[in-house]
Amino acid sequence: MSVRAICPGTFDPVHYGHLDIFERASKLFDEVIVAVYDHGQPIKKVLFSAENRVRLINENIVDYPNVRVMTYSGMTADFASQVGAKAIIRGLRIFSDFEFEFRMSLITHRLSPDIEYLTLMTREEHMFLSGTMVREIASLNGDISSMVPENVELALRAKYQ
């Protein structure tokens, strides 16, 4: 039996913390779908379009043949069910992430009891990373080379020029 999981998020932009979670999830599941949330409506302001976020991720997961990227909208639990995922994988960085993810796991279990909600602790070297922080540093022309892959750095530089 093939076990599929999703790693949902905005990934605006994808950074090394995200890529670490994708890699580690790829070792735990037969298939991992990086689920890029396409807001459609301006619920959350994003810098990159869903298509660009998918492209930036795809360019960085070529070494993981069991990982693919898809966009989705609506509820994450519904998307997980639609693609036949048995688990939702999320990364934890800091203590405040735990409270949010704990609540999300309870809601997910209520909506879709057959889907497990799993969290992976981000590696220590990535604990400080967030898309918001990366965008802010890039917008101020700061050095983000240790935070994001080169293709993402170039895309951010182009956006902020």
C-alpha atoms as a PDB file:
ATOM      1  CA  MET A   1       0.000   0.000   0.000  1.00  0.00           C
ATOM      2  CA  SER A   2       1.323   3.415  -0.981  1.00  0.00           C
ATOM      3  CA  VAL A   3       1.047   6.080   1.723  1.00  0.00           C
ATOM      4  CA  ARG A   4       0.666   9.679   0.598  1.00  0.00           C
ATOM      5  CA  ALA A   5       1.089  12.827   2.689  1.00  0.00           C
ATOM      6  CA  ILE A   6       0.700  16.511   1.973  1.00  0.00           C
ATOM      7  CA  CYS A   7       2.846  19.402   3.191  1.00  0.00           C
ATOM      8  CA  PRO A   8       0.524  22.409   2.928  1.00  0.00           C
ATOM      9  CA  GLY A   9       1.514  26.046   3.093  1.00  0.00           C
ATOM     10  CA  THR A  10       1.792  29.354   1.342  1.00  0.00           C
ATOM     11  CA  PHE A  11       5.554  29.037   0.708  1.00  0.00           C
ATOM     12  CA  ASP A  12       5.915  32.732  -0.125  1.00  0.00           C
ATOM     13  CA  PRO A  13       8.782  32.229  -0.645  1.00  0.00           C
ATOM     14  CA  VAL A  14      10.033  28.700  -0.125  1.00  0.00           C
ATOM     15  CA  HIS A  15      13.111  28.708   2.125  1.00  0.00           C
ATOM     16  CA  TYR A  16      15.583  26.180   3.498  1.00  0.00           C
ATOM     17  CA  GLY A  17      13.322  25.365   6.454  1.00  0.00           C
ATOM     18  CA  HIS A  18      10.553  24.290   4.090  1.00  0.00           C
ATOM     19  CA  LEU A  19      12.934  22.293   1.917  1.00  0.00           C
ATOM     20  CA  ASP A  20      14.244  20.488   4.996  1.00  0.00           C
ATOM     21  CA  ILE A  21      10.710  19.398   5.914  1.00  0.00           C
ATOM     22  CA  PHE A  22      10.000  18.261   2.324  1.00  0.00           C
ATOM     23  CA  GLU A  23      13.184  16.178   2.264  1.00  0.00           C
ATOM     24  CA  ARG A  24      12.535  14.558   5.620  1.00  0.00           C
ATOM     25  CA  ALA A  25       8.875  13.850   4.792  1.00  0.00           C
ATOM     26  CA  SER A  26      10.010  12.236   1.525  1.00  0.00           C
ATOM     27  CA  LYS A  27      11.887   9.645   3.592  1.00  0.00           C
ATOM     28  CA  LEU A  28       8.819   8.827   5.687  1.00  0.00           C
ATOM     29  CA  PHE A  29       6.139   8.534   2.992  1.00  0.00           C
ATOM     30  CA  ASP A  30       5.845   6.882  -0.387  1.00  0.00           C
ATOM     31  CA  GLU A  31       4.599  10.125  -1.905  1.00  0.00           C
ATOM     32  CA  VAL A  32       4.607  13.699  -0.641  1.00  0.00           C
ATOM     33  CA  ILE A  33       2.566  16.460  -2.208  1.00  0.00           C
ATOM     34  CA  VAL A  34       3.757  19.959  -1.451  1.00  0.00           C
ATOM     35  CA  ALA A  35       0.374  21.679  -1.380  1.00  0.00           C
ATOM     36  CA  VAL A  36       0.738  25.354  -2.303  1.00  0.00           C
ATOM     37  CA  TYR A  37      -2.238  27.308  -1.074  1.00  0.00           C
ATOM     38  CA  ASP A  38      -3.687  29.464  -3.853  1.00  0.00           C
ATOM     39  CA  HIS A  39      -5.512  32.168  -1.977  1.00  0.00           C
ATOM     40  CA  GLY A  40      -7.567  33.312  -4.956  1.00  0.00           C
ATOM     41  CA  GLN A  41      -9.104  35.963  -2.761  1.00  0.00           C
ATOM     42  CA  PRO A  42      -6.856  38.390  -0.896  1.00  0.00           C
ATOM     43  CA  ILE A  43      -7.170  36.571   2.442  1.00  0.00           C
ATOM     44  CA  LYS A  44      -3.425  36.793   2.901  1.00  0.00           C
ATOM     45  CA  LYS A  45      -1.229  39.083   0.862  1.00  0.00           C
ATOM     46  CA  VAL A  46       1.364  37.138  -1.103  1.00  0.00           C
ATOM     47  CA  LEU A  47       4.383  38.373  -3.028  1.00  0.00           C
ATOM     48  CA  PHE A  48       4.549  35.580  -5.622  1.00  0.00           C
ATOM     49  CA  SER A  49       1.714  34.102  -7.648  1.00  0.00           C
ATOM     50  CA  ALA A  50       0.809  30.483  -6.992  1.00  0.00           C
ATOM     51  CA  GLU A  51       2.389  29.534 -10.336  1.00  0.00           C
ATOM     52  CA  ASN A  52       5.675  31.200  -9.381  1.00  0.00           C
ATOM     53  CA  ARG A  53       5.699  29.578  -5.944  1.00  0.00           C
ATOM     54  CA  VAL A  54       5.152  26.168  -7.581  1.00  0.00           C
ATOM     55  CA  ARG A  55       7.989  26.828 -10.043  1.00  0.00           C
ATOM     56  CA  LEU A  56      10.401  27.921  -7.312  1.00  0.00           C
ATOM     57  CA  ILE A  57       9.637  24.792  -5.275  1.00  0.00           C
ATOM     58  CA  ASN A  58       9.846  22.454  -8.278  1.00  0.00           C
ATOM     59  CA  GLU A  59      13.308  23.786  -9.111  1.00  0.00           C
ATOM     60  CA  ASN A  60      14.478  22.728  -5.634  1.00  0.00           C
ATOM     61  CA  ILE A  61      12.974  19.255  -5.262  1.00  0.00           C
ATOM     62  CA  VAL A  62      14.480  17.560  -8.322  1.00  0.00           C
ATOM     63  CA  ASP A  63      16.438  15.196  -6.055  1.00  0.00           C
ATOM     64  CA  TYR A  64      13.239  13.868  -4.463  1.00  0.00           C
ATOM     65  CA  PRO A  65      11.351  11.813  -7.056  1.00  0.00           C
ATOM     66  CA  ASN A  66       8.507  11.027  -4.653  1.00  0.00           C
ATOM     67  CA  VAL A  67       7.753  14.710  -4.025  1.00  0.00           C
ATOM     68  CA  ARG A  68       5.496  16.739  -6.311  1.00  0.00           C
ATOM     69  CA  VAL A  69       3.860  20.130  -6.088  1.00  0.00           C
ATOM     70  CA  MET A  70       0.193  21.009  -6.523  1.00  0.00           C
ATOM     71  CA  THR A  71      -1.881  24.101  -5.832  1.00  0.00           C
ATOM     72  CA  TYR A  72      -5.133  24.014  -3.937  1.00  0.00           C
ATOM     73  CA  SER A  73      -7.736  26.302  -2.463  1.00  0.00           C
ATOM     74  CA  GLY A  74     -10.352  25.706   0.176  1.00  0.00           C
ATOM     75  CA  MET A  75      -9.843  23.658   3.295  1.00  0.00           C
ATOM     76  CA  THR A  76      -6.623  21.716   3.680  1.00  0.00           C
ATOM     77  CA  ALA A  77      -8.419  18.681   5.129  1.00  0.00           C
ATOM     78  CA  ASP A  78     -10.662  18.576   2.051  1.00  0.00           C
ATOM     79  CA  PHE A  79      -7.661  18.739  -0.259  1.00  0.00           C
ATOM     80  CA  ALA A  80      -5.921  15.961   1.674  1.00  0.00           C
ATOM     81  CA  SER A  81      -9.014  13.777   1.262  1.00  0.00           C
ATOM     82  CA  GLN A  82      -9.325  14.611  -2.446  1.00  0.00           C
ATOM     83  CA  VAL A  83      -5.769  13.460  -3.175  1.00  0.00           C
ATOM     84  CA  GLY A  84      -6.001  10.397  -0.934  1.00  0.00           C
ATOM     85  CA  ALA A  85      -3.457  11.613   1.625  1.00  0.00           C
ATOM     86  CA  LYS A  86      -3.240   9.775   4.925  1.00  0.00           C
ATOM     87  CA  ALA A  87      -1.303  12.566   6.650  1.00  0.00           C
ATOM     88  CA  ILE A  88      -0.773  16.299   6.771  1.00  0.00           C
ATOM     89  CA  ILE A  89       2.833  17.235   7.566  1.00  0.00           C
ATOM     90  CA  ARG A  90       3.732  20.598   9.104  1.00  0.00           C
ATOM     91  CA  GLY A  91       7.005  22.006  10.373  1.00  0.00           C
ATOM     92  CA  LEU A  92       7.448  23.431  13.867  1.00  0.00           C
ATOM     93  CA  ARG A  93       9.983  26.191  14.512  1.00  0.00           C
ATOM     94  CA  ILE A  94       9.236  27.896  17.789  1.00  0.00           C
ATOM     95  CA  PHE A  95       6.939  27.336  20.739  1.00  0.00           C
ATOM     96  CA  SER A  96       4.174  29.608  19.403  1.00  0.00           C
ATOM     97  CA  ASP A  97       3.975  27.374  16.306  1.00  0.00           C
ATOM     98  CA  PHE A  98       3.063  24.480  18.592  1.00  0.00           C
ATOM     99  CA  GLU A  99      -0.098  26.146  19.888  1.00  0.00           C
ATOM    100  CA  PHE A 100      -1.299  26.970  16.366  1.00  0.00           C
ATOM    101  CA  GLU A 101      -0.490  23.508  14.997  1.00  0.00           C
ATOM    102  CA  PHE A 102      -2.059  21.809  18.017  1.00  0.00           C
ATOM    103  CA  ARG A 103      -5.347  23.615  17.342  1.00  0.00           C
ATOM    104  CA  MET A 104      -5.114  22.819  13.639  1.00  0.00           C
ATOM    105  CA  SER A 105      -4.579  19.140  14.408  1.00  0.00           C
ATOM    106  CA  LEU A 106      -7.718  19.071  16.567  1.00  0.00           C
ATOM    107  CA  ILE A 107      -9.782  20.786  13.851  1.00  0.00           C
ATOM    108  CA  THR A 108      -8.378  18.470  11.177  1.00  0.00           C
ATOM    109  CA  HIS A 109      -9.227  15.405  13.246  1.00  0.00           C
ATOM    110  CA  ARG A 110     -12.757  16.741  13.764  1.00  0.00           C
ATOM    111  CA  LEU A 111     -13.238  17.381  10.021  1.00  0.00           C
ATOM    112  CA  SER A 112     -11.354  14.341   8.699  1.00  0.00           C
ATOM    113  CA  PRO A 113     -10.751  11.708  11.395  1.00  0.00           C
ATOM    114  CA  ASP A 114      -8.956   9.403   8.940  1.00  0.00           C
ATOM    115  CA  ILE A 115      -6.176  11.928   8.246  1.00  0.00           C
ATOM    116  CA  GLU A 116      -3.259  12.128  10.656  1.00  0.00           C
ATOM    117  CA  TYR A 117      -1.757  15.534  11.429  1.00  0.00           C
ATOM    118  CA  LEU A 118       1.984  15.233  11.993  1.00  0.00           C
ATOM    119  CA  THR A 119       4.588  17.828  12.847  1.00  0.00           C
ATOM    120  CA  LEU A 120       8.327  17.686  12.273  1.00  0.00           C
ATOM    121  CA  MET A 121      10.662  19.862  14.297  1.00  0.00           C
ATOM    122  CA  THR A 122      12.610  22.160  12.025  1.00  0.00           C
ATOM    123  CA  ARG A 123      16.350  21.656  12.214  1.00  0.00           C
ATOM    124  CA  GLU A 124      18.082  24.081  14.548  1.00  0.00           C
ATOM    125  CA  GLU A 125      19.792  26.010  11.755  1.00  0.00           C
ATOM    126  CA  HIS A 126      16.388  26.872  10.244  1.00  0.00           C
ATOM    127  CA  MET A 127      14.393  27.682  13.385  1.00  0.00           C
ATOM    128  CA  PHE A 128      14.507  31.438  12.822  1.00  0.00           C
ATOM    129  CA  LEU A 129      13.282  31.322   9.222  1.00  0.00           C
ATOM    130  CA  SER A 130       9.894  32.538   8.115  1.00  0.00           C
ATOM    131  CA  GLY A 131       8.653  33.734   4.754  1.00  0.00           C
ATOM    132  CA  THR A 132       7.789  37.092   6.292  1.00  0.00           C
ATOM    133  CA  MET A 133      11.310  37.546   7.635  1.00  0.00           C
ATOM    134  CA  VAL A 134      12.921  36.490   4.353  1.00  0.00           C
ATOM    135  CA  ARG A 135      10.723  38.913   2.388  1.00  0.00           C
ATOM    136  CA  GLU A 136      11.489  41.785   4.749  1.00  0.00           C
ATOM    137  CA  ILE A 137      15.250  41.231   4.648  1.00  0.00           C
ATOM    138  CA  ALA A 138      15.159  40.911   0.850  1.00  0.00           C
ATOM    139  CA  SER A 139      13.093  44.107   0.544  1.00  0.00           C
ATOM    140  CA  LEU A 140      15.826  45.942   2.483  1.00  0.00           C
ATOM    141  CA  ASN A 141      18.518  44.448   0.219  1.00  0.00           C
ATOM    142  CA  GLY A 142      19.880  42.266   3.028  1.00  0.00           C
ATOM    143  CA  ASP A 143      21.817  39.041   2.569  1.00  0.00           C
ATOM    144  CA  ILE A 144      19.388  36.133   2.287  1.00  0.00           C
ATOM    145  CA  SER A 145      21.791  33.704   0.623  1.00  0.00           C
ATOM    146  CA  SER A 146      21.912  31.455   3.713  1.00  0.00           C
ATOM    147  CA  MET A 147      18.112  31.389   3.977  1.00  0.00           C
ATOM    148  CA  VAL A 148      16.905  30.528   0.477  1.00  0.00           C
ATOM    149  CA  PRO A 149      18.196  28.708  -2.603  1.00  0.00           C
ATOM    150  CA  GLU A 150      19.758  30.816  -5.351  1.00  0.00           C
ATOM    151  CA  ASN A 151      16.686  30.702  -7.626  1.00  0.00           C
ATOM    152  CA  VAL A 152      14.526  32.085  -4.817  1.00  0.00           C
ATOM    153  CA  GLU A 153      17.073  34.778  -3.984  1.00  0.00           C
ATOM    154  CA  LEU A 154      17.125  35.872  -7.625  1.00  0.00           C
ATOM    155  CA  ALA A 155      13.324  35.922  -7.782  1.00  0.00           C
ATOM    156  CA  LEU A 156      13.153  38.027  -4.610  1.00  0.00           C
ATOM    157  CA  ARG A 157      15.808  40.457  -5.885  1.00  0.00           C
ATOM    158  CA  ALA A 158      13.864  40.859  -9.134  1.00  0.00           C
ATOM    159  CA  LYS A 159      10.639  41.560  -7.207  1.00  0.00           C
ATOM    160  CA  TYR A 160      12.233  44.227  -5.028  1.00  0.00           C
ATOM    161  CA  GLN A 161      14.191  46.070  -7.753  1.00  0.00           C
END
